[in-house]
Amino acid sequence: MTFRKFMKENGNEIKTMFWEDFSIAERFVLSAIQDRFNRAFKEWKEDYEFLTELVLVLNYKIWQYHEKRPEFAELYNTLWEQTDQYAMENLKDEELSYFFDVTD
């Protein structure tokens, strides 16, 4: 199942180009994925909707690569853990409720 289909089936609207950006970075080296993450996280971590979508994309990428590209899955897992922890520590009230509703 594609990420787009996954989001649609779960009633979520895609708000960013994170999926496409990471997919392009994957054509290069692991450091390109890390660089793309660093830029996205720095720019969008204060926007709870974009942060939520970033967590979803990272989680889906882990699933996508866990068998065929374990090095990608490992990096995506590390990035997901970092982003999810940031969300847990920084989102409050309605923002945190949104996060749980969309990621659950």
N, C-alpha and C. Protein backbone atom coordinates (compact mmCIF):
# COMPACT_ATOMS: atom_id res chain seq x y z
N MET A 1 0.84 -1.17 0.00
CA MET A 1 0.00 0.00 0.00
C MET A 1 0.89 1.24 0.00
N THR A 2 0.55 2.19 -0.81
CA THR A 2 1.33 3.42 -0.87
C THR A 2 1.00 4.32 0.32
N PHE A 3 1.89 5.25 0.60
CA PHE A 3 1.67 6.19 1.69
C PHE A 3 0.42 7.02 1.42
N ARG A 4 0.26 7.46 0.20
CA ARG A 4 -0.91 8.27 -0.16
C ARG A 4 -2.20 7.51 0.10
N LYS A 5 -2.24 6.23 -0.30
CA LYS A 5 -3.43 5.41 -0.09
C LYS A 5 -3.65 5.17 1.41
N PHE A 6 -2.57 4.92 2.13
CA PHE A 6 -2.64 4.73 3.57
C PHE A 6 -3.28 5.95 4.24
N MET A 7 -2.82 7.12 3.88
CA MET A 7 -3.35 8.35 4.48
C MET A 7 -4.83 8.51 4.14
N LYS A 8 -5.17 8.31 2.89
CA LYS A 8 -6.56 8.47 2.45
C LYS A 8 -7.49 7.49 3.17
N GLU A 9 -7.07 6.23 3.26
CA GLU A 9 -7.90 5.22 3.91
C GLU A 9 -8.10 5.51 5.39
N ASN A 10 -7.17 6.23 5.99
CA ASN A 10 -7.29 6.58 7.40
C ASN A 10 -7.89 7.98 7.61
N GLY A 11 -8.38 8.57 6.52
CA GLY A 11 -9.07 9.85 6.62
C GLY A 11 -8.17 11.04 6.84
N ASN A 12 -6.90 10.93 6.45
CA ASN A 12 -5.95 12.02 6.65
C ASN A 12 -5.57 12.65 5.31
N GLU A 13 -5.45 13.95 5.33
CA GLU A 13 -5.03 14.69 4.14
C GLU A 13 -3.51 14.90 4.20
N ILE A 14 -2.83 14.66 3.09
CA ILE A 14 -1.39 14.92 3.03
C ILE A 14 -1.17 16.42 2.92
N LYS A 15 -0.34 16.96 3.79
CA LYS A 15 -0.12 18.39 3.87
C LYS A 15 1.28 18.82 3.42
N THR A 16 2.18 17.85 3.26
CA THR A 16 3.58 18.18 2.97
C THR A 16 4.09 17.38 1.78
N MET A 17 5.33 17.64 1.45
CA MET A 17 6.04 16.88 0.43
C MET A 17 7.10 15.98 1.06
N PHE A 18 6.97 15.68 2.36
CA PHE A 18 7.97 14.88 3.05
C PHE A 18 8.19 13.54 2.37
N TRP A 19 7.11 12.85 2.01
CA TRP A 19 7.25 11.53 1.38
C TRP A 19 8.09 11.63 0.12
N GLU A 20 7.76 12.58 -0.73
CA GLU A 20 8.48 12.75 -1.99
C GLU A 20 9.93 13.15 -1.75
N ASP A 21 10.14 14.06 -0.81
CA ASP A 21 11.50 14.53 -0.50
C ASP A 21 12.39 13.39 -0.01
N PHE A 22 11.88 12.56 0.89
CA PHE A 22 12.68 11.43 1.37
C PHE A 22 12.90 10.40 0.26
N SER A 23 11.90 10.20 -0.57
CA SER A 23 12.04 9.24 -1.68
C SER A 23 13.14 9.69 -2.64
N ILE A 24 13.24 10.97 -2.87
CA ILE A 24 14.33 11.50 -3.72
C ILE A 24 15.68 11.31 -3.03
N ALA A 25 15.74 11.61 -1.75
CA ALA A 25 16.99 11.47 -1.00
C ALA A 25 17.49 10.03 -1.00
N GLU A 26 16.56 9.08 -1.02
CA GLU A 26 16.94 7.66 -1.00
C GLU A 26 17.72 7.24 -2.25
N ARG A 27 17.66 8.01 -3.28
CA ARG A 27 18.40 7.69 -4.51
C ARG A 27 19.89 7.95 -4.36
N PHE A 28 20.26 8.61 -3.30
CA PHE A 28 21.65 8.97 -3.08
C PHE A 28 22.23 8.11 -1.96
N VAL A 29 22.64 8.70 -0.88
CA VAL A 29 23.25 7.95 0.22
C VAL A 29 22.49 8.23 1.51
N LEU A 30 22.82 7.46 2.54
CA LEU A 30 22.13 7.66 3.82
C LEU A 30 22.27 9.10 4.33
N SER A 31 23.40 9.71 4.06
CA SER A 31 23.59 11.09 4.53
C SER A 31 22.60 12.05 3.86
N ALA A 32 22.12 11.73 2.66
CA ALA A 32 21.12 12.57 2.01
C ALA A 32 19.79 12.48 2.74
N ILE A 33 19.45 11.29 3.23
CA ILE A 33 18.23 11.12 4.03
C ILE A 33 18.37 11.91 5.32
N GLN A 34 19.52 11.78 5.99
CA GLN A 34 19.76 12.52 7.23
C GLN A 34 19.68 14.02 7.00
N ASP A 35 20.28 14.49 5.91
CA ASP A 35 20.25 15.92 5.60
C ASP A 35 18.82 16.39 5.36
N ARG A 36 18.06 15.62 4.63
CA ARG A 36 16.66 15.99 4.36
C ARG A 36 15.87 16.05 5.67
N PHE A 37 16.11 15.09 6.53
CA PHE A 37 15.44 15.10 7.83
C PHE A 37 15.84 16.34 8.64
N ASN A 38 17.14 16.62 8.71
CA ASN A 38 17.61 17.76 9.49
C ASN A 38 16.93 19.05 9.05
N ARG A 39 16.83 19.25 7.74
CA ARG A 39 16.20 20.46 7.22
C ARG A 39 14.71 20.48 7.53
N ALA A 40 14.03 19.35 7.33
CA ALA A 40 12.58 19.29 7.58
C ALA A 40 12.28 19.49 9.06
N PHE A 41 13.02 18.82 9.91
CA PHE A 41 12.77 18.92 11.35
C PHE A 41 13.02 20.34 11.84
N LYS A 42 14.11 20.93 11.44
CA LYS A 42 14.44 22.29 11.87
C LYS A 42 13.35 23.27 11.43
N GLU A 43 12.90 23.14 10.21
CA GLU A 43 11.94 24.09 9.66
C GLU A 43 10.52 23.87 10.16
N TRP A 44 10.14 22.62 10.41
CA TRP A 44 8.72 22.33 10.65
C TRP A 44 8.38 21.77 12.02
N LYS A 45 9.33 21.63 12.93
CA LYS A 45 9.04 21.01 14.22
C LYS A 45 8.06 21.82 15.06
N GLU A 46 7.91 23.08 14.80
CA GLU A 46 6.98 23.92 15.56
C GLU A 46 5.55 23.86 15.01
N ASP A 47 5.37 23.29 13.84
CA ASP A 47 4.04 23.14 13.24
C ASP A 47 3.53 21.73 13.56
N TYR A 48 2.60 21.62 14.48
CA TYR A 48 2.18 20.30 14.97
C TYR A 48 1.59 19.41 13.89
N GLU A 49 0.93 19.98 12.89
CA GLU A 49 0.39 19.14 11.81
C GLU A 49 1.50 18.59 10.93
N PHE A 50 2.48 19.42 10.60
CA PHE A 50 3.60 18.97 9.80
C PHE A 50 4.48 18.00 10.59
N LEU A 51 4.67 18.28 11.87
CA LEU A 51 5.44 17.37 12.72
C LEU A 51 4.77 16.01 12.76
N THR A 52 3.46 15.99 12.89
CA THR A 52 2.70 14.74 12.90
C THR A 52 2.89 13.98 11.60
N GLU A 53 2.82 14.68 10.48
CA GLU A 53 3.01 14.01 9.19
C GLU A 53 4.44 13.51 9.05
N LEU A 54 5.41 14.24 9.56
CA LEU A 54 6.79 13.78 9.51
C LEU A 54 6.93 12.46 10.28
N VAL A 55 6.32 12.36 11.44
CA VAL A 55 6.35 11.12 12.21
C VAL A 55 5.72 9.98 11.40
N LEU A 56 4.60 10.25 10.76
CA LEU A 56 3.94 9.22 9.95
C LEU A 56 4.81 8.76 8.79
N VAL A 57 5.42 9.71 8.09
CA VAL A 57 6.27 9.37 6.95
C VAL A 57 7.45 8.53 7.42
N LEU A 58 8.10 8.93 8.47
CA LEU A 58 9.25 8.18 8.98
C LEU A 58 8.85 6.76 9.37
N ASN A 59 7.72 6.64 10.04
CA ASN A 59 7.23 5.32 10.45
C ASN A 59 6.92 4.45 9.24
N TYR A 60 6.29 5.02 8.25
CA TYR A 60 5.95 4.26 7.04
C TYR A 60 7.22 3.85 6.29
N LYS A 61 8.23 4.71 6.29
CA LYS A 61 9.49 4.39 5.63
C LYS A 61 10.20 3.22 6.33
N ILE A 62 10.09 3.15 7.66
CA ILE A 62 10.66 1.99 8.38
C ILE A 62 10.03 0.72 7.85
N TRP A 63 8.73 0.71 7.79
CA TRP A 63 7.98 -0.45 7.30
C TRP A 63 8.36 -0.77 5.85
N GLN A 64 8.48 0.27 5.02
CA GLN A 64 8.79 0.09 3.61
C GLN A 64 10.13 -0.62 3.40
N TYR A 65 11.11 -0.32 4.25
CA TYR A 65 12.47 -0.81 4.02
C TYR A 65 12.96 -1.87 4.99
N HIS A 66 12.15 -2.31 5.93
CA HIS A 66 12.66 -3.20 6.97
C HIS A 66 13.23 -4.51 6.43
N GLU A 67 12.78 -4.98 5.28
CA GLU A 67 13.33 -6.23 4.72
C GLU A 67 14.36 -5.99 3.63
N LYS A 68 14.06 -5.09 2.71
CA LYS A 68 14.93 -4.97 1.53
C LYS A 68 16.09 -3.99 1.68
N ARG A 69 16.00 -3.01 2.57
CA ARG A 69 17.09 -2.06 2.80
C ARG A 69 17.20 -1.78 4.30
N PRO A 70 17.69 -2.75 5.07
CA PRO A 70 17.71 -2.58 6.53
C PRO A 70 18.49 -1.36 7.00
N GLU A 71 19.48 -0.92 6.25
CA GLU A 71 20.22 0.27 6.65
C GLU A 71 19.34 1.51 6.57
N PHE A 72 18.43 1.56 5.58
CA PHE A 72 17.46 2.65 5.49
C PHE A 72 16.49 2.56 6.67
N ALA A 73 15.98 1.37 6.93
CA ALA A 73 15.02 1.18 8.02
C ALA A 73 15.63 1.58 9.35
N GLU A 74 16.89 1.24 9.57
CA GLU A 74 17.56 1.59 10.82
C GLU A 74 17.67 3.11 10.98
N LEU A 75 18.06 3.79 9.91
CA LEU A 75 18.14 5.25 9.97
C LEU A 75 16.76 5.86 10.19
N TYR A 76 15.79 5.41 9.42
CA TYR A 76 14.44 5.94 9.59
C TYR A 76 13.90 5.68 11.00
N ASN A 77 14.24 4.55 11.58
CA ASN A 77 13.80 4.26 12.94
C ASN A 77 14.43 5.24 13.94
N THR A 78 15.69 5.52 13.78
CA THR A 78 16.37 6.48 14.64
C THR A 78 15.73 7.85 14.53
N LEU A 79 15.45 8.27 13.30
CA LEU A 79 14.83 9.58 13.06
C LEU A 79 13.40 9.61 13.61
N TRP A 80 12.69 8.51 13.43
CA TRP A 80 11.32 8.42 13.96
C TRP A 80 11.33 8.54 15.49
N GLU A 81 12.23 7.82 16.15
CA GLU A 81 12.31 7.88 17.62
C GLU A 81 12.57 9.31 18.09
N GLN A 82 13.49 9.99 17.42
CA GLN A 82 13.83 11.37 17.78
C GLN A 82 12.63 12.28 17.61
N THR A 83 11.93 12.14 16.50
CA THR A 83 10.80 13.02 16.19
C THR A 83 9.61 12.72 17.10
N ASP A 84 9.34 11.44 17.31
CA ASP A 84 8.24 11.05 18.19
C ASP A 84 8.49 11.54 19.62
N GLN A 85 9.71 11.41 20.10
CA GLN A 85 10.04 11.89 21.44
C GLN A 85 9.86 13.40 21.53
N TYR A 86 10.30 14.11 20.50
CA TYR A 86 10.12 15.57 20.48
C TYR A 86 8.63 15.91 20.58
N ALA A 87 7.80 15.21 19.81
CA ALA A 87 6.35 15.46 19.84
C ALA A 87 5.79 15.20 21.23
N MET A 88 6.18 14.10 21.85
CA MET A 88 5.67 13.76 23.19
C MET A 88 6.06 14.81 24.23
N GLU A 89 7.23 15.37 24.08
CA GLU A 89 7.73 16.33 25.06
C GLU A 89 7.26 17.75 24.81
N ASN A 90 6.84 18.07 23.59
CA ASN A 90 6.57 19.46 23.25
C ASN A 90 5.13 19.77 22.86
N LEU A 91 4.39 18.81 22.38
CA LEU A 91 2.99 19.08 22.02
C LEU A 91 2.14 19.06 23.27
N LYS A 92 1.17 19.93 23.33
CA LYS A 92 0.28 20.04 24.49
C LYS A 92 -1.17 20.16 24.01
N ASP A 93 -2.07 19.77 24.86
CA ASP A 93 -3.51 19.99 24.70
C ASP A 93 -4.02 19.53 23.33
N GLU A 94 -4.62 20.45 22.57
CA GLU A 94 -5.22 20.09 21.28
C GLU A 94 -4.18 19.57 20.28
N GLU A 95 -2.99 20.12 20.34
CA GLU A 95 -1.93 19.66 19.43
C GLU A 95 -1.59 18.19 19.70
N LEU A 96 -1.46 17.84 20.97
CA LEU A 96 -1.15 16.46 21.33
C LEU A 96 -2.32 15.54 21.00
N SER A 97 -3.53 16.00 21.20
CA SER A 97 -4.72 15.21 20.83
C SER A 97 -4.73 14.95 19.33
N TYR A 98 -4.42 15.97 18.54
CA TYR A 98 -4.33 15.81 17.08
C TYR A 98 -3.29 14.76 16.74
N PHE A 99 -2.12 14.88 17.35
CA PHE A 99 -1.04 13.93 17.11
C PHE A 99 -1.49 12.49 17.36
N PHE A 100 -2.11 12.27 18.51
CA PHE A 100 -2.58 10.92 18.85
C PHE A 100 -3.68 10.45 17.91
N ASP A 101 -4.60 11.32 17.56
CA ASP A 101 -5.68 10.95 16.65
C ASP A 101 -5.15 10.51 15.29
N VAL A 102 -4.19 11.22 14.77
CA VAL A 102 -3.68 10.94 13.44
C VAL A 102 -2.71 9.76 13.44
N THR A 103 -1.90 9.64 14.47
CA THR A 103 -0.89 8.58 14.47
C THR A 103 -1.38 7.27 15.05
N ASP A 104 -2.52 7.26 15.69
CA ASP A 104 -3.02 6.03 16.31
C ASP A 104 -3.73 5.15 15.31
